[in-house]
């Protein structure tokens, strides 16, 4: 089990990793803990590990990378694990990288014809302008960061430059998105080829000084409420689940992901808008993904057990291919 890492989501990862370790033990597995330090060193029982290509990791059968954000969820650690030749939980290098890069993800989903809010990508130092018809408010986001770090809600053009500077402090590529007026809906997906899609859950923000589902709302006790199943018409829930499945498959995800949406006017015209995919969401038993899967009938120990089995299944399928 890998946790920690170099990103701003390090503390969240440590909590996820400890929960995963306990869940694996409850499911009958032996679980070894490896912590990646803020400097990028891999530690086991306080000792720095030496990683040898093709030699696996501590003779483990499977690695569970409970890592969030850059240098863990973005394909980098997945590449290391591929080099070590060890099965690991979750998506591979390409899907992890694409889903971490919000702009690349949106371009891929646009090509697939899946519904999204209007958006534009801005690179540091380049000339740009908002497309015609872009209204206010907007959200300004670092393209390759998670947990709402560096995100600003901008009500008008006077505050845009400051929001861009804040986002550029985290990434040289920034996304400007048209704000959606609908409810926030999340859906969990589990599987490789045969997928289990969870019931929809609605996020209700209870505490946020920023006025949206930010880091404070996500990780402060009482900051948000998850309502499962979401109070949506059945046909709207089914549409959300279908888009979640399509986005998961188009991005090439494996193992697990949480797919996030906005649903505008759910009891009227019901416009469903895909927001993003998180390939390694927060993973404590009270995290959104685990609660969505619990609503689908999968307990936390069963969930982590199924994920390690899915990792072995994918590893065996890929190693059977000729290269």
C-alpha atoms as a PDB file:
ATOM      1  CA  UNK A   1       0.000   0.000   0.000  1.00  0.00           C
ATOM      2  CA  UNK A   2       1.471   3.338  -1.112  1.00  0.00           C
ATOM      3  CA  UNK A   3       0.502   6.623   0.515  1.00  0.00           C
ATOM      4  CA  UNK A   4       1.851  10.100   1.167  1.00  0.00           C
ATOM      5  CA  UNK A   5       3.497  11.580  -1.888  1.00  0.00           C
ATOM      6  CA  UNK A   6       4.746  14.952  -3.035  1.00  0.00           C
ATOM      7  CA  UNK A   7       1.485  16.773  -3.773  1.00  0.00           C
ATOM      8  CA  UNK A   8      -0.576  19.187  -1.693  1.00  0.00           C
ATOM      9  CA  UNK A   9      -2.972  16.267  -1.105  1.00  0.00           C
ATOM     10  CA  UNK A  10      -0.356  14.371   0.927  1.00  0.00           C
ATOM     11  CA  UNK A  11      -2.309  14.394   4.204  1.00  0.00           C
ATOM     12  CA  UNK A  12      -5.455  13.156   2.471  1.00  0.00           C
ATOM     13  CA  UNK A  13      -3.400  10.343   0.936  1.00  0.00           C
ATOM     14  CA  UNK A  14      -2.021   9.297   4.329  1.00  0.00           C
ATOM     15  CA  UNK A  15      -5.579   9.028   5.670  1.00  0.00           C
ATOM     16  CA  UNK A  16      -6.671   7.054   2.600  1.00  0.00           C
ATOM     17  CA  UNK A  17      -3.664   4.754   2.901  1.00  0.00           C
ATOM     18  CA  UNK A  18      -4.298   3.902   6.537  1.00  0.00           C
ATOM     19  CA  UNK A  19      -7.956   3.162   5.781  1.00  0.00           C
ATOM     20  CA  UNK A  20      -6.974   0.960   2.809  1.00  0.00           C
ATOM     21  CA  UNK A  21      -4.490  -0.941   4.976  1.00  0.00           C
ATOM     22  CA  UNK A  22      -7.152  -1.622   7.606  1.00  0.00           C
ATOM     23  CA  UNK A  23      -9.661  -2.620   4.937  1.00  0.00           C
ATOM     24  CA  UNK A  24      -7.232  -5.050   3.327  1.00  0.00           C
ATOM     25  CA  UNK A  25      -6.510  -6.649   6.685  1.00  0.00           C
ATOM     26  CA  UNK A  26     -10.245  -6.935   7.382  1.00  0.00           C
ATOM     27  CA  UNK A  27     -10.607  -8.657   3.981  1.00  0.00           C
ATOM     28  CA  UNK A  28      -7.967 -11.234   4.929  1.00  0.00           C
ATOM     29  CA  UNK A  29      -4.896  -9.778   3.222  1.00  0.00           C
ATOM     30  CA  UNK A  30      -1.474  -9.023   4.631  1.00  0.00           C
ATOM     31  CA  UNK A  31      -0.808  -5.324   4.064  1.00  0.00           C
ATOM     32  CA  UNK A  32       2.620  -3.669   4.004  1.00  0.00           C
ATOM     33  CA  UNK A  33       2.829   0.120   4.182  1.00  0.00           C
ATOM     34  CA  UNK A  34       5.136   2.167   1.967  1.00  0.00           C
ATOM     35  CA  UNK A  35       5.167   5.932   2.480  1.00  0.00           C
ATOM     36  CA  UNK A  36       6.373   8.301  -0.207  1.00  0.00           C
ATOM     37  CA  UNK A  37       7.893  11.332   1.493  1.00  0.00           C
ATOM     38  CA  UNK A  38       7.294  14.937   0.465  1.00  0.00           C
ATOM     39  CA  UNK A  39      10.729  14.762  -1.192  1.00  0.00           C
ATOM     40  CA  UNK A  40       9.775  11.658  -3.183  1.00  0.00           C
ATOM     41  CA  UNK A  41      11.657   8.964  -1.255  1.00  0.00           C
ATOM     42  CA  UNK A  42       9.961   5.597  -0.779  1.00  0.00           C
ATOM     43  CA  UNK A  43      10.109   4.376   2.848  1.00  0.00           C
ATOM     44  CA  UNK A  44       9.191   1.031   4.405  1.00  0.00           C
ATOM     45  CA  UNK A  45       9.487   0.704   8.187  1.00  0.00           C
ATOM     46  CA  UNK A  46      11.596   3.861   8.204  1.00  0.00           C
ATOM     47  CA  UNK A  47      14.130   2.592   5.654  1.00  0.00           C
ATOM     48  CA  UNK A  48      14.581   4.022   2.165  1.00  0.00           C
ATOM     49  CA  UNK A  49      13.683   1.458  -0.495  1.00  0.00           C
ATOM     50  CA  UNK A  50      15.886   0.713  -3.467  1.00  0.00           C
ATOM     51  CA  UNK A  51      13.701   0.149  -6.527  1.00  0.00           C
ATOM     52  CA  UNK A  52      14.962  -2.283  -9.148  1.00  0.00           C
ATOM     53  CA  UNK A  53      13.258  -2.474 -12.570  1.00  0.00           C
ATOM     54  CA  UNK A  54      11.525  -5.811 -13.084  1.00  0.00           C
ATOM     55  CA  UNK A  55      12.000  -6.871  -9.454  1.00  0.00           C
ATOM     56  CA  UNK A  56       8.597  -5.971  -8.032  1.00  0.00           C
ATOM     57  CA  UNK A  57       8.091  -4.201  -4.720  1.00  0.00           C
ATOM     58  CA  UNK A  58       8.785  -5.965  -1.410  1.00  0.00           C
ATOM     59  CA  UNK A  59       7.649  -9.253  -3.010  1.00  0.00           C
ATOM     60  CA  UNK A  60       4.063  -7.967  -2.866  1.00  0.00           C
ATOM     61  CA  UNK A  61       1.358  -9.545  -5.029  1.00  0.00           C
ATOM     62  CA  UNK A  62      -0.369  -6.178  -5.647  1.00  0.00           C
ATOM     63  CA  UNK A  63       0.340  -2.507  -4.937  1.00  0.00           C
ATOM     64  CA  UNK A  64      -2.507  -0.206  -3.903  1.00  0.00           C
ATOM     65  CA  UNK A  65      -1.378   3.372  -4.726  1.00  0.00           C
ATOM     66  CA  UNK A  66      -3.641   5.405  -2.426  1.00  0.00           C
ATOM     67  CA  UNK A  67      -2.087   8.585  -3.818  1.00  0.00           C
ATOM     68  CA  UNK A  68      -3.873  11.779  -4.801  1.00  0.00           C
ATOM     69  CA  UNK A  69      -2.803  14.580  -7.100  1.00  0.00           C
ATOM     70  CA  UNK A  70       0.469  15.154  -8.983  1.00  0.00           C
ATOM     71  CA  UNK A  71       3.327  12.677  -8.577  1.00  0.00           C
ATOM     72  CA  UNK A  72       0.909   9.908  -7.676  1.00  0.00           C
ATOM     73  CA  UNK A  73      -2.413  10.029  -9.491  1.00  0.00           C
ATOM     74  CA  UNK A  74      -1.127  11.512 -12.747  1.00  0.00           C
ATOM     75  CA  UNK A  75       0.598   8.492 -14.269  1.00  0.00           C
ATOM     76  CA  UNK A  76       4.049   9.073 -12.778  1.00  0.00           C
ATOM     77  CA  UNK A  77       3.875   6.443 -10.029  1.00  0.00           C
ATOM     78  CA  UNK A  78       1.907   4.180 -12.360  1.00  0.00           C
ATOM     79  CA  UNK A  79       4.885   4.341 -14.717  1.00  0.00           C
ATOM     80  CA  UNK A  80       7.249   3.388 -11.896  1.00  0.00           C
ATOM     81  CA  UNK A  81       5.035   0.420 -10.998  1.00  0.00           C
ATOM     82  CA  UNK A  82       4.957  -0.670 -14.647  1.00  0.00           C
ATOM     83  CA  UNK A  83       8.760  -0.565 -14.648  1.00  0.00           C
ATOM     84  CA  UNK A  84       8.874  -2.617 -11.451  1.00  0.00           C
ATOM     85  CA  UNK A  85       6.546  -5.130 -13.198  1.00  0.00           C
ATOM     86  CA  UNK A  86       4.054  -5.394 -10.366  1.00  0.00           C
ATOM     87  CA  UNK A  87       0.223  -5.370 -10.496  1.00  0.00           C
ATOM     88  CA  UNK A  88      -1.328  -2.193  -9.118  1.00  0.00           C
ATOM     89  CA  UNK A  89      -4.812  -0.947  -8.331  1.00  0.00           C
ATOM     90  CA  UNK A  90      -6.441   1.601 -10.596  1.00  0.00           C
ATOM     91  CA  UNK A  91      -5.917   3.048 -14.034  1.00  0.00           C
ATOM     92  CA  UNK A  92      -2.745   2.802 -16.075  1.00  0.00           C
ATOM     93  CA  UNK A  93      -0.314   5.498 -17.135  1.00  0.00           C
ATOM     94  CA  UNK A  94      -2.317   7.047 -19.975  1.00  0.00           C
ATOM     95  CA  UNK A  95      -5.753   7.123 -18.335  1.00  0.00           C
ATOM     96  CA  UNK A  96      -4.275   8.445 -15.084  1.00  0.00           C
ATOM     97  CA  UNK A  97      -2.454  11.230 -16.923  1.00  0.00           C
ATOM     98  CA  UNK A  98      -5.435  12.196 -19.099  1.00  0.00           C
ATOM     99  CA  UNK A  99      -7.898  12.330 -16.211  1.00  0.00           C
ATOM    100  CA  UNK A 100      -5.477  14.363 -14.097  1.00  0.00           C
ATOM    101  CA  UNK A 101      -5.096  16.935 -16.882  1.00  0.00           C
ATOM    102  CA  UNK A 102      -8.505  18.633 -16.842  1.00  0.00           C
ATOM    103  CA  UNK A 103      -7.954  20.313 -20.215  1.00  0.00           C
ATOM    104  CA  UNK A 104      -6.822  17.115 -21.995  1.00  0.00           C
ATOM    105  CA  UNK A 105      -9.739  15.254 -20.413  1.00  0.00           C
ATOM    106  CA  UNK A 106     -12.269  17.819 -21.606  1.00  0.00           C
ATOM    107  CA  UNK A 107     -10.827  17.790 -25.115  1.00  0.00           C
ATOM    108  CA  UNK A 108     -11.135  13.984 -25.195  1.00  0.00           C
ATOM    109  CA  UNK A 109     -14.709  14.068 -23.901  1.00  0.00           C
ATOM    110  CA  UNK A 110     -15.596  16.802 -26.418  1.00  0.00           C
ATOM    111  CA  UNK A 111     -14.314  14.562 -29.214  1.00  0.00           C
ATOM    112  CA  UNK A 112     -16.542  11.799 -27.821  1.00  0.00           C
ATOM    113  CA  UNK A 113     -19.563  14.105 -27.935  1.00  0.00           C
ATOM    114  CA  UNK A 114     -20.226  14.009 -24.193  1.00  0.00           C
ATOM    115  CA  UNK A 115     -21.944  17.092 -22.695  1.00  0.00           C
ATOM    116  CA  UNK A 116     -19.807  19.573 -20.723  1.00  0.00           C
ATOM    117  CA  UNK A 117     -19.761  23.224 -19.678  1.00  0.00           C
ATOM    118  CA  UNK A 118     -18.029  25.711 -21.997  1.00  0.00           C
ATOM    119  CA  UNK A 119     -14.295  25.975 -21.260  1.00  0.00           C
ATOM    120  CA  UNK A 120     -11.012  27.380 -22.511  1.00  0.00           C
ATOM    121  CA  UNK A 121      -7.410  26.436 -21.689  1.00  0.00           C
ATOM    122  CA  UNK A 122      -4.866  29.182 -21.019  1.00  0.00           C
ATOM    123  CA  UNK A 123      -1.094  28.637 -20.938  1.00  0.00           C
ATOM    124  CA  UNK A 124       1.169  30.894 -18.921  1.00  0.00           C
ATOM    125  CA  UNK A 125       2.530  33.747 -21.023  1.00  0.00           C
ATOM    126  CA  UNK A 126       0.306  33.213 -24.056  1.00  0.00           C
ATOM    127  CA  UNK A 127      -2.239  35.591 -25.554  1.00  0.00           C
ATOM    128  CA  UNK A 128      -5.838  34.494 -25.055  1.00  0.00           C
ATOM    129  CA  UNK A 129      -9.417  35.695 -24.808  1.00  0.00           C
ATOM    130  CA  UNK A 130     -12.707  34.257 -23.641  1.00  0.00           C
ATOM    131  CA  UNK A 131     -14.825  32.898 -26.503  1.00  0.00           C
ATOM    132  CA  UNK A 132     -17.901  34.847 -27.560  1.00  0.00           C
ATOM    133  CA  UNK A 133     -20.929  34.031 -25.471  1.00  0.00           C
ATOM    134  CA  UNK A 134     -18.904  33.117 -22.392  1.00  0.00           C
ATOM    135  CA  UNK A 135     -20.850  34.436 -19.400  1.00  0.00           C
ATOM    136  CA  UNK A 136     -20.182  35.059 -15.734  1.00  0.00           C
ATOM    137  CA  UNK A 137     -19.450  33.648 -13.239  1.00  0.00           C
ATOM    138  CA  UNK A 138     -16.591  31.363 -14.243  1.00  0.00           C
ATOM    139  CA  UNK A 139     -14.279  28.982 -12.415  1.00  0.00           C
ATOM    140  CA  UNK A 140     -10.520  29.263 -12.837  1.00  0.00           C
ATOM    141  CA  UNK A 141      -8.584  26.045 -12.133  1.00  0.00           C
ATOM    142  CA  UNK A 142      -5.043  24.712 -12.367  1.00  0.00           C
ATOM    143  CA  UNK A 143      -5.340  22.046 -15.060  1.00  0.00           C
ATOM    144  CA  UNK A 144      -3.407  19.340 -13.209  1.00  0.00           C
ATOM    145  CA  UNK A 145      -4.269  19.553  -9.539  1.00  0.00           C
ATOM    146  CA  UNK A 146      -6.941  17.950  -7.385  1.00  0.00           C
ATOM    147  CA  UNK A 147      -9.077  18.528  -4.276  1.00  0.00           C
ATOM    148  CA  UNK A 148     -10.061  21.998  -5.541  1.00  0.00           C
ATOM    149  CA  UNK A 149      -6.615  23.419  -4.696  1.00  0.00           C
ATOM    150  CA  UNK A 150      -5.959  26.746  -6.469  1.00  0.00           C
ATOM    151  CA  UNK A 151      -9.538  27.100  -7.734  1.00  0.00           C
ATOM    152  CA  UNK A 152     -11.380  30.446  -7.739  1.00  0.00           C
ATOM    153  CA  UNK A 153     -14.950  31.381  -8.533  1.00  0.00           C
ATOM    154  CA  UNK A 154     -14.867  34.648 -10.491  1.00  0.00           C
ATOM    155  CA  UNK A 155     -17.982  36.800 -10.667  1.00  0.00           C
ATOM    156  CA  UNK A 156     -16.744  39.302 -13.276  1.00  0.00           C
ATOM    157  CA  UNK A 157     -13.817  40.384 -15.448  1.00  0.00           C
ATOM    158  CA  UNK A 158     -12.232  42.628 -12.807  1.00  0.00           C
ATOM    159  CA  UNK A 159     -11.279  39.617 -10.655  1.00  0.00           C
ATOM    160  CA  UNK A 160     -10.139  37.344 -13.471  1.00  0.00           C
ATOM    161  CA  UNK A 161      -6.469  38.335 -13.548  1.00  0.00           C
ATOM    162  CA  UNK A 162      -6.014  37.699  -9.827  1.00  0.00           C
ATOM    163  CA  UNK A 163      -7.647  34.266 -10.148  1.00  0.00           C
ATOM    164  CA  UNK A 164      -5.363  33.400 -13.051  1.00  0.00           C
ATOM    165  CA  UNK A 165      -2.288  34.373 -11.040  1.00  0.00           C
ATOM    166  CA  UNK A 166      -3.452  32.169  -8.186  1.00  0.00           C
ATOM    167  CA  UNK A 167      -3.970  29.211 -10.515  1.00  0.00           C
ATOM    168  CA  UNK A 168      -0.674  29.779 -12.376  1.00  0.00           C
ATOM    169  CA  UNK A 169       1.126  29.441  -9.038  1.00  0.00           C
ATOM    170  CA  UNK A 170       0.198  25.738  -9.244  1.00  0.00           C
ATOM    171  CA  UNK A 171       0.335  24.972 -12.978  1.00  0.00           C
ATOM    172  CA  UNK A 172       1.448  26.551 -16.248  1.00  0.00           C
ATOM    173  CA  UNK A 173      -1.847  25.402 -17.822  1.00  0.00           C
ATOM    174  CA  UNK A 174      -5.091  26.821 -16.426  1.00  0.00           C
ATOM    175  CA  UNK A 175      -8.704  26.038 -17.242  1.00  0.00           C
ATOM    176  CA  UNK A 176     -11.463  28.658 -17.329  1.00  0.00           C
ATOM    177  CA  UNK A 177     -14.917  27.089 -17.153  1.00  0.00           C
ATOM    178  CA  UNK A 178     -18.390  28.507 -17.437  1.00  0.00           C
ATOM    179  CA  UNK A 179     -20.065  28.033 -14.046  1.00  0.00           C
ATOM    180  CA  UNK A 180     -22.934  25.559 -13.992  1.00  0.00           C
ATOM    181  CA  UNK A 181     -26.067  26.413 -12.036  1.00  0.00           C
ATOM    182  CA  UNK A 182     -27.146  22.865 -11.294  1.00  0.00           C
ATOM    183  CA  UNK A 183     -26.730  20.429  -8.426  1.00  0.00           C
ATOM    184  CA  UNK A 184     -23.444  18.550  -8.014  1.00  0.00           C
ATOM    185  CA  UNK A 185     -23.815  14.826  -8.655  1.00  0.00           C
ATOM    186  CA  UNK A 186     -21.187  12.109  -8.305  1.00  0.00           C
ATOM    187  CA  UNK A 187     -21.174   8.525  -9.503  1.00  0.00           C
ATOM    188  CA  UNK A 188     -18.750   5.705  -8.714  1.00  0.00           C
ATOM    189  CA  UNK A 189     -17.531   3.124 -11.224  1.00  0.00           C
ATOM    190  CA  UNK A 190     -15.864  -0.176 -10.328  1.00  0.00           C
ATOM    191  CA  UNK A 191     -14.363  -2.715 -12.723  1.00  0.00           C
ATOM    192  CA  UNK A 192     -12.204  -3.368 -15.757  1.00  0.00           C
ATOM    193  CA  UNK A 193     -14.338  -4.825 -18.534  1.00  0.00           C
ATOM    194  CA  UNK A 194     -17.530  -5.568 -16.578  1.00  0.00           C
ATOM    195  CA  UNK A 195     -18.484  -2.358 -14.826  1.00  0.00           C
ATOM    196  CA  UNK A 196     -20.534  -1.680 -11.728  1.00  0.00           C
ATOM    197  CA  UNK A 197     -21.906   1.873 -11.744  1.00  0.00           C
ATOM    198  CA  UNK A 198     -23.125   3.151  -8.382  1.00  0.00           C
ATOM    199  CA  UNK A 199     -26.311   5.029  -7.632  1.00  0.00           C
ATOM    200  CA  UNK A 200     -25.954   8.788  -8.031  1.00  0.00           C
ATOM    201  CA  UNK A 201     -25.053  10.881  -5.009  1.00  0.00           C
ATOM    202  CA  UNK A 202     -25.765  14.585  -4.544  1.00  0.00           C
ATOM    203  CA  UNK A 203     -23.158  16.835  -2.906  1.00  0.00           C
ATOM    204  CA  UNK A 204     -24.628  19.493  -0.642  1.00  0.00           C
ATOM    205  CA  UNK A 205     -22.097  22.045   0.591  1.00  0.00           C
ATOM    206  CA  UNK A 206     -22.642  22.969   4.248  1.00  0.00           C
ATOM    207  CA  UNK A 207     -19.462  24.905   5.031  1.00  0.00           C
ATOM    208  CA  UNK A 208     -17.311  26.813   2.550  1.00  0.00           C
ATOM    209  CA  UNK A 209     -15.982  30.350   2.811  1.00  0.00           C
ATOM    210  CA  UNK A 210     -15.356  30.270  -0.955  1.00  0.00           C
ATOM    211  CA  UNK A 211     -19.011  29.518  -1.664  1.00  0.00           C
ATOM    212  CA  UNK A 212     -18.470  26.279  -3.615  1.00  0.00           C
ATOM    213  CA  UNK A 213     -17.335  22.674  -3.122  1.00  0.00           C
ATOM    214  CA  UNK A 214     -13.745  23.562  -2.244  1.00  0.00           C
ATOM    215  CA  UNK A 215     -11.008  21.948  -0.133  1.00  0.00           C
ATOM    216  CA  UNK A 216     -12.605  23.208   3.094  1.00  0.00           C
ATOM    217  CA  UNK A 217     -15.995  21.733   2.216  1.00  0.00           C
ATOM    218  CA  UNK A 218     -14.458  18.419   1.154  1.00  0.00           C
ATOM    219  CA  UNK A 219     -12.218  17.782   4.144  1.00  0.00           C
ATOM    220  CA  UNK A 220     -13.673  19.732   7.088  1.00  0.00           C
ATOM    221  CA  UNK A 221     -16.054  17.665   9.254  1.00  0.00           C
ATOM    222  CA  UNK A 222     -19.558  18.855   8.478  1.00  0.00           C
ATOM    223  CA  UNK A 223     -18.404  20.734   5.383  1.00  0.00           C
ATOM    224  CA  UNK A 224     -20.568  18.712   3.029  1.00  0.00           C
ATOM    225  CA  UNK A 225     -23.419  16.248   2.990  1.00  0.00           C
ATOM    226  CA  UNK A 226     -23.711  13.352   0.555  1.00  0.00           C
ATOM    227  CA  UNK A 227     -27.272  12.298  -0.262  1.00  0.00           C
ATOM    228  CA  UNK A 228     -27.476   8.785  -1.751  1.00  0.00           C
ATOM    229  CA  UNK A 229     -29.452   8.091  -3.798  1.00  0.00           C
ATOM    230  CA  UNK A 230     -29.616  11.603  -5.188  1.00  0.00           C
ATOM    231  CA  UNK A 231     -33.160  13.010  -5.406  1.00  0.00           C
ATOM    232  CA  UNK A 232     -33.362  12.905  -9.190  1.00  0.00           C
ATOM    233  CA  UNK A 233     -35.965  11.568 -11.611  1.00  0.00           C
ATOM    234  CA  UNK A 234     -35.123   7.983 -12.479  1.00  0.00           C
ATOM    235  CA  UNK A 235     -34.508   8.786 -16.144  1.00  0.00           C
ATOM    236  CA  UNK A 236     -32.028  11.526 -15.176  1.00  0.00           C
ATOM    237  CA  UNK A 237     -30.153   9.190 -12.813  1.00  0.00           C
ATOM    238  CA  UNK A 238     -29.946   6.623 -15.593  1.00  0.00           C
ATOM    239  CA  UNK A 239     -28.577   9.248 -17.985  1.00  0.00           C
ATOM    240  CA  UNK A 240     -25.900  10.256 -15.462  1.00  0.00           C
ATOM    241  CA  UNK A 241     -24.916   6.614 -14.991  1.00  0.00           C
ATOM    242  CA  UNK A 242     -24.753   6.037 -18.748  1.00  0.00           C
ATOM    243  CA  UNK A 243     -22.496   9.075 -19.260  1.00  0.00           C
ATOM    244  CA  UNK A 244     -20.324   7.971 -16.316  1.00  0.00           C
ATOM    245  CA  UNK A 245     -19.845   4.590 -17.977  1.00  0.00           C
ATOM    246  CA  UNK A 246     -19.114   6.157 -21.369  1.00  0.00           C
ATOM    247  CA  UNK A 247     -16.580   8.623 -19.942  1.00  0.00           C
ATOM    248  CA  UNK A 248     -14.845   5.876 -17.935  1.00  0.00           C
ATOM    249  CA  UNK A 249     -14.527   3.686 -20.999  1.00  0.00           C
ATOM    250  CA  UNK A 250     -13.461   6.497 -23.354  1.00  0.00           C
ATOM    251  CA  UNK A 251     -10.739   7.634 -20.925  1.00  0.00           C
ATOM    252  CA  UNK A 252      -9.472   4.048 -20.672  1.00  0.00           C
ATOM    253  CA  UNK A 253      -9.955   3.786 -16.911  1.00  0.00           C
ATOM    254  CA  UNK A 254      -9.500   0.541 -15.003  1.00  0.00           C
ATOM    255  CA  UNK A 255     -10.329  -0.592 -11.490  1.00  0.00           C
ATOM    256  CA  UNK A 256     -12.153   2.429 -10.148  1.00  0.00           C
ATOM    257  CA  UNK A 257     -13.052   6.064 -10.640  1.00  0.00           C
ATOM    258  CA  UNK A 258     -15.433   8.687  -9.363  1.00  0.00           C
ATOM    259  CA  UNK A 259     -17.183  10.634 -12.122  1.00  0.00           C
ATOM    260  CA  UNK A 260     -18.442  14.122 -11.277  1.00  0.00           C
ATOM    261  CA  UNK A 261     -21.360  15.986 -12.862  1.00  0.00           C
ATOM    262  CA  UNK A 262     -23.575  19.021 -12.721  1.00  0.00           C
ATOM    263  CA  UNK A 263     -27.273  18.533 -13.413  1.00  0.00           C
ATOM    264  CA  UNK A 264     -29.158  21.703 -14.302  1.00  0.00           C
ATOM    265  CA  UNK A 265     -32.949  21.877 -13.927  1.00  0.00           C
ATOM    266  CA  UNK A 266     -33.201  18.188 -12.900  1.00  0.00           C
ATOM    267  CA  UNK A 267     -37.004  18.230 -12.689  1.00  0.00           C
ATOM    268  CA  UNK A 268     -37.430  20.130 -15.934  1.00  0.00           C
ATOM    269  CA  UNK A 269     -35.326  19.887 -19.071  1.00  0.00           C
ATOM    270  CA  UNK A 270     -32.553  18.187 -17.042  1.00  0.00           C
ATOM    271  CA  UNK A 271     -29.268  19.184 -18.648  1.00  0.00           C
ATOM    272  CA  UNK A 272     -26.553  16.710 -17.535  1.00  0.00           C
ATOM    273  CA  UNK A 273     -22.983  18.058 -17.725  1.00  0.00           C
ATOM    274  CA  UNK A 274     -19.891  15.912 -17.242  1.00  0.00           C
ATOM    275  CA  UNK A 275     -17.309  17.673 -15.055  1.00  0.00           C
ATOM    276  CA  UNK A 276     -14.302  15.388 -14.441  1.00  0.00           C
ATOM    277  CA  UNK A 277     -13.055  11.926 -13.528  1.00  0.00           C
ATOM    278  CA  UNK A 278     -11.012  11.206 -10.413  1.00  0.00           C
ATOM    279  CA  UNK A 279      -9.069   7.968 -10.897  1.00  0.00           C
ATOM    280  CA  UNK A 280      -8.035   7.645  -7.235  1.00  0.00           C
ATOM    281  CA  UNK A 281     -10.581   9.512  -5.112  1.00  0.00           C
ATOM    282  CA  UNK A 282     -10.315   9.905  -1.365  1.00  0.00           C
ATOM    283  CA  UNK A 283     -10.469   6.401   0.051  1.00  0.00           C
ATOM    284  CA  UNK A 284     -11.537   6.335   3.678  1.00  0.00           C
ATOM    285  CA  UNK A 285     -14.742   4.427   4.526  1.00  0.00           C
ATOM    286  CA  UNK A 286     -16.550   7.775   4.838  1.00  0.00           C
ATOM    287  CA  UNK A 287     -15.202   9.191   1.561  1.00  0.00           C
ATOM    288  CA  UNK A 288     -17.686   9.812  -1.231  1.00  0.00           C
ATOM    289  CA  UNK A 289     -16.501   6.941  -3.451  1.00  0.00           C
ATOM    290  CA  UNK A 290     -16.691   4.334  -0.684  1.00  0.00           C
ATOM    291  CA  UNK A 291     -20.154   5.536   0.307  1.00  0.00           C
ATOM    292  CA  UNK A 292     -21.364   5.400  -3.289  1.00  0.00           C
ATOM    293  CA  UNK A 293     -20.095   1.828  -3.580  1.00  0.00           C
ATOM    294  CA  UNK A 294     -21.693   0.937  -0.258  1.00  0.00           C
ATOM    295  CA  UNK A 295     -24.985   2.153  -1.732  1.00  0.00           C
ATOM    296  CA  UNK A 296     -24.319  -0.222  -4.627  1.00  0.00           C
ATOM    297  CA  UNK A 297     -24.034  -3.095  -2.126  1.00  0.00           C
ATOM    298  CA  UNK A 298     -20.230  -3.261  -1.823  1.00  0.00           C
ATOM    299  CA  UNK A 299     -18.838  -2.933   1.714  1.00  0.00           C
ATOM    300  CA  UNK A 300     -15.458  -1.277   2.293  1.00  0.00           C
ATOM    301  CA  UNK A 301     -13.467  -4.503   2.921  1.00  0.00           C
ATOM    302  CA  UNK A 302     -15.146  -6.103  -0.108  1.00  0.00           C
ATOM    303  CA  UNK A 303     -14.334  -3.011  -2.163  1.00  0.00           C
ATOM    304  CA  UNK A 304     -10.589  -3.059  -1.485  1.00  0.00           C
ATOM    305  CA  UNK A 305     -10.549  -6.838  -1.963  1.00  0.00           C
ATOM    306  CA  UNK A 306     -12.235  -6.548  -5.362  1.00  0.00           C
ATOM    307  CA  UNK A 307      -9.842  -3.801  -6.389  1.00  0.00           C
ATOM    308  CA  UNK A 308      -6.718  -5.871  -5.712  1.00  0.00           C
ATOM    309  CA  UNK A 309      -8.265  -8.780  -7.616  1.00  0.00           C
ATOM    310  CA  UNK A 310      -9.088  -6.496 -10.531  1.00  0.00           C
ATOM    311  CA  UNK A 311      -5.462  -5.303 -10.497  1.00  0.00           C
ATOM    312  CA  UNK A 312      -4.173  -8.867 -10.796  1.00  0.00           C
ATOM    313  CA  UNK A 313      -6.695  -9.609 -13.556  1.00  0.00           C
ATOM    314  CA  UNK A 314      -5.558  -6.609 -15.615  1.00  0.00           C
ATOM    315  CA  UNK A 315      -1.882  -7.393 -15.024  1.00  0.00           C
ATOM    316  CA  UNK A 316      -2.292 -10.978 -16.222  1.00  0.00           C
ATOM    317  CA  UNK A 317      -4.232  -9.879 -19.314  1.00  0.00           C
ATOM    318  CA  UNK A 318      -1.625  -7.289 -20.278  1.00  0.00           C
ATOM    319  CA  UNK A 319       1.392  -9.519 -19.627  1.00  0.00           C
ATOM    320  CA  UNK A 320      -0.176 -12.199 -21.846  1.00  0.00           C
ATOM    321  CA  UNK A 321       0.141  -9.840 -24.827  1.00  0.00           C
ATOM    322  CA  UNK A 322       3.095 -10.058 -27.201  1.00  0.00           C
ATOM    323  CA  UNK A 323       5.427  -7.042 -27.211  1.00  0.00           C
END
